[in-house]
C-alpha cells in the first residue's frame, strides 16, 4: 500500500509540474521577451546543423518545406504521469517569423527524464497556415505528421509525401527510435 501512495504522490507532483511549466510564461521567470528570443535563437542553427549532419536527406527535405519549427531543447520526464515542454522558433524563407512552445502530457509506465530536440517541417502551405492562423495546434489532429527515421540502408524513411508535416526527434546520438509526437500541442508565444 505504501508503494501505491508513493507512486500516486510522484504522479501528482509530475502532473502539477507539467501543468505549471506549460502555463508559465517568460514573465513568471523574470525573463524579457528579448531574453527568451535570444535563448531560442542560439539553439536553432546548431540544431539544424546537427540534423543535416546526422540524417542523410534531411537538408533536401528542409529545402522543400514551407516552414520549419525548431525546438532546440524539449525536456520530458515523468513517473507514471509524464510530460514535456520546450520553446522554439518558426523559420519561413530563412527568417524567424514567430516563437512557439510545445507541451504534452502522457500516462503509462514511465520513469525518468531526458532532453531532445524536435524539428517539424511543414511541407504544405495548408499545414503551415493552420499553425500560424490558430492559437493552438496539435500534432496528429490538425495535420498528418510523420515521425521520420533512418532505415537499415542508411536512408531517410517515411518521406512518402503523404504527411503534411515531417518531424524529427533528435538526441545527442542522432534520431530517437520509438519517439512519439502525436498529441503534442504547439502554442504561439504571446509577447
Protein backbone atom coordinates (compact mmCIF):
# COMPACT_ATOMS: atom_id res chain seq x y z
CA UNK A 1 0.00 0.00 0.00
CA UNK A 2 2.89 2.36 0.75
CA UNK A 3 4.33 1.88 -2.76
CA UNK A 4 1.00 2.84 -4.25
CA UNK A 5 0.95 6.03 -2.17
CA UNK A 6 4.48 6.94 -3.30
CA UNK A 7 3.59 6.32 -6.96
CA UNK A 8 0.43 8.41 -6.70
CA UNK A 9 2.31 11.24 -4.99
CA UNK A 10 5.04 11.17 -7.65
CA UNK A 11 2.46 11.14 -10.43
CA UNK A 12 0.58 14.05 -8.89
CA UNK A 13 3.76 16.07 -8.43
CA UNK A 14 4.84 15.40 -12.02
CA UNK A 15 1.44 16.39 -13.39
CA UNK A 16 1.49 19.59 -11.33
CA UNK A 17 4.96 20.49 -12.63
CA UNK A 18 3.91 19.83 -16.22
CA UNK A 19 0.79 21.94 -15.87
CA UNK A 20 2.59 24.79 -14.13
CA UNK A 21 5.51 24.63 -16.61
CA UNK A 22 3.16 24.55 -19.57
CA UNK A 23 1.21 27.52 -18.29
CA UNK A 24 4.22 29.55 -17.24
CA UNK A 25 5.44 32.29 -19.48
CA UNK A 26 8.57 34.38 -19.62
CA UNK A 27 7.20 36.94 -17.12
CA UNK A 28 6.86 34.21 -14.47
CA UNK A 29 10.57 33.51 -14.77
CA UNK A 30 11.77 37.13 -14.82
CA UNK A 31 12.77 36.91 -18.49
CA UNK A 32 12.09 39.62 -21.03
CA UNK A 33 10.77 38.73 -24.50
CA UNK A 34 14.22 39.56 -25.91
CA UNK A 35 15.86 37.14 -23.43
CA UNK A 36 13.52 34.33 -24.47
CA UNK A 37 14.01 35.01 -28.17
CA UNK A 38 17.80 35.06 -27.80
CA UNK A 39 17.82 31.82 -25.81
CA UNK A 40 15.76 30.10 -28.53
CA UNK A 41 17.65 31.63 -31.47
CA UNK A 42 21.03 30.49 -30.08
CA UNK A 43 19.96 26.86 -30.38
CA UNK A 44 18.16 26.89 -33.74
CA UNK A 45 21.23 26.94 -36.03
CA UNK A 46 23.15 24.21 -34.17
CA UNK A 47 20.02 22.02 -34.04
CA UNK A 48 19.51 22.25 -37.81
CA UNK A 49 23.23 21.72 -38.44
CA UNK A 50 23.17 18.56 -36.29
CA UNK A 51 20.05 17.28 -38.08
CA UNK A 52 21.56 17.81 -41.53
CA UNK A 53 24.86 16.16 -40.47
CA UNK A 54 23.27 13.13 -38.79
CA UNK A 55 20.31 12.46 -41.07
CA UNK A 56 21.01 11.95 -44.77
CA UNK A 57 18.34 13.60 -46.92
CA UNK A 58 17.06 15.94 -44.20
CA UNK A 59 18.57 19.06 -45.80
CA UNK A 60 16.91 18.28 -49.13
CA UNK A 61 13.60 17.79 -47.34
CA UNK A 62 14.06 21.08 -45.47
CA UNK A 63 14.64 22.88 -48.77
CA UNK A 64 11.15 21.75 -49.89
CA UNK A 65 9.41 22.73 -46.64
CA UNK A 66 7.13 25.79 -46.44
CA UNK A 67 8.23 26.38 -42.85
CA UNK A 68 10.40 24.71 -40.21
CA UNK A 69 9.62 24.82 -36.49
CA UNK A 70 12.76 24.14 -34.44
CA UNK A 71 12.71 23.31 -30.73
CA UNK A 72 16.38 23.14 -29.66
CA UNK A 73 15.53 21.66 -26.24
CA UNK A 74 12.40 19.81 -25.27
CA UNK A 75 12.51 18.42 -21.76
CA UNK A 76 10.37 15.45 -20.86
CA UNK A 77 10.04 13.19 -17.89
CA UNK A 78 7.70 11.57 -15.50
CA UNK A 79 6.77 8.83 -13.10
CA UNK A 80 3.52 7.19 -14.27
CA UNK A 81 2.30 10.62 -15.45
CA UNK A 82 4.73 12.31 -17.82
CA UNK A 83 5.00 15.50 -19.75
CA UNK A 84 7.20 17.59 -21.97
CA UNK A 85 7.86 21.27 -22.50
CA UNK A 86 10.06 23.31 -24.83
CA UNK A 87 10.27 26.58 -26.77
CA UNK A 88 11.20 27.04 -30.41
CA UNK A 89 11.26 29.28 -33.47
CA UNK A 90 9.30 29.08 -36.72
CA UNK A 91 11.52 29.69 -39.74
CA UNK A 92 9.93 30.67 -43.08
CA UNK A 93 12.05 31.63 -46.09
CA UNK A 94 15.19 31.63 -43.94
CA UNK A 95 13.95 34.05 -41.27
CA UNK A 96 12.22 33.70 -37.90
CA UNK A 97 8.54 34.64 -38.10
CA UNK A 98 7.31 33.50 -34.67
CA UNK A 99 8.08 31.70 -31.44
CA UNK A 100 6.18 28.69 -30.09
CA UNK A 101 6.05 26.45 -27.07
CA UNK A 102 5.36 22.73 -27.09
CA UNK A 103 3.77 20.70 -24.34
CA UNK A 104 2.15 17.34 -23.82
CA UNK A 105 1.01 15.06 -21.02
CA UNK A 106 1.12 11.26 -21.14
CA UNK A 107 0.00 8.42 -18.91
CA UNK A 108 1.54 4.97 -18.60
CA UNK A 109 4.54 3.08 -17.33
CA UNK A 110 7.40 5.60 -17.41
CA UNK A 111 10.07 6.96 -15.14
CA UNK A 112 12.98 9.30 -15.77
CA UNK A 113 13.77 12.45 -17.68
CA UNK A 114 15.50 13.37 -20.91
CA UNK A 115 16.12 16.24 -23.27
CA UNK A 116 15.75 16.15 -27.02
CA UNK A 117 15.49 18.46 -29.99
CA UNK A 118 12.37 18.49 -32.11
CA UNK A 119 12.19 19.72 -35.71
CA UNK A 120 8.87 19.91 -37.57
CA UNK A 121 8.94 20.57 -41.31
CA UNK A 122 5.63 21.90 -42.65
CA UNK A 123 5.51 20.53 -46.19
CA UNK A 124 2.24 22.12 -47.33
CA UNK A 125 1.05 25.71 -47.17
CA UNK A 126 -2.23 24.49 -45.68
CA UNK A 127 -0.45 22.84 -42.73
CA UNK A 128 1.67 25.95 -42.15
CA UNK A 129 -1.40 28.19 -42.35
CA UNK A 130 -3.21 26.07 -39.74
CA UNK A 131 -0.27 26.52 -37.37
CA UNK A 132 0.05 30.27 -37.85
CA UNK A 133 -3.68 31.10 -38.01
CA UNK A 134 -4.69 29.30 -34.82
CA UNK A 135 -3.79 29.93 -31.21
CA UNK A 136 -3.10 26.22 -30.77
CA UNK A 137 -2.15 23.29 -32.97
CA UNK A 138 -2.00 19.61 -32.08
CA UNK A 139 0.20 17.09 -33.89
CA UNK A 140 -1.87 14.37 -35.48
CA UNK A 141 -5.16 16.25 -35.05
CA UNK A 142 -4.57 19.43 -37.06
CA UNK A 143 -2.34 17.82 -39.71
CA UNK A 144 -0.93 14.40 -40.52
CA UNK A 145 2.54 14.11 -39.00
CA UNK A 146 5.22 11.57 -39.96
CA UNK A 147 7.99 10.98 -37.43
CA UNK A 148 10.90 10.15 -39.73
CA UNK A 149 13.76 7.74 -39.12
CA UNK A 150 16.85 6.39 -40.85
CA UNK A 151 16.42 2.84 -42.07
CA UNK A 152 18.90 -0.03 -42.07
CA UNK A 153 20.05 1.08 -45.52
CA UNK A 154 21.18 4.43 -44.04
CA UNK A 155 18.50 6.38 -45.92
CA UNK A 156 15.69 8.53 -44.61
CA UNK A 157 12.43 6.58 -44.40
CA UNK A 158 8.84 7.73 -44.04
CA UNK A 159 9.02 10.56 -46.57
CA UNK A 160 6.44 9.14 -48.94
CA UNK A 161 4.83 12.57 -49.30
CA UNK A 162 1.59 11.64 -47.54
CA UNK A 163 2.28 13.66 -44.39
CA UNK A 164 1.66 17.39 -44.29
CA UNK A 165 4.31 17.67 -41.56
CA UNK A 166 7.55 15.70 -41.24
CA UNK A 167 9.07 15.52 -37.76
CA UNK A 168 12.47 14.61 -36.38
CA UNK A 169 13.21 13.87 -32.72
CA UNK A 170 16.95 14.03 -32.00
CA UNK A 171 19.13 13.26 -29.03
CA UNK A 172 22.95 13.51 -28.82
CA UNK A 173 23.40 10.27 -30.78
CA UNK A 174 21.02 11.16 -33.63
CA UNK A 175 17.38 10.37 -34.35
CA UNK A 176 15.46 8.88 -31.44
CA UNK A 177 13.86 5.49 -32.05
CA UNK A 178 10.37 4.98 -30.66
CA UNK A 179 9.70 8.66 -30.04
CA UNK A 180 6.15 9.90 -30.44
CA UNK A 181 4.76 13.35 -31.07
CA UNK A 182 1.07 12.61 -31.62
CA UNK A 183 -0.92 14.78 -29.25
CA UNK A 184 1.91 17.29 -28.84
CA UNK A 185 0.40 20.76 -28.51
CA UNK A 186 2.03 23.78 -30.13
CA UNK A 187 1.06 27.26 -28.98
CA UNK A 188 2.35 30.60 -30.22
CA UNK A 189 4.16 32.54 -27.51
CA UNK A 190 2.30 35.80 -26.94
CA UNK A 191 4.59 38.67 -26.03
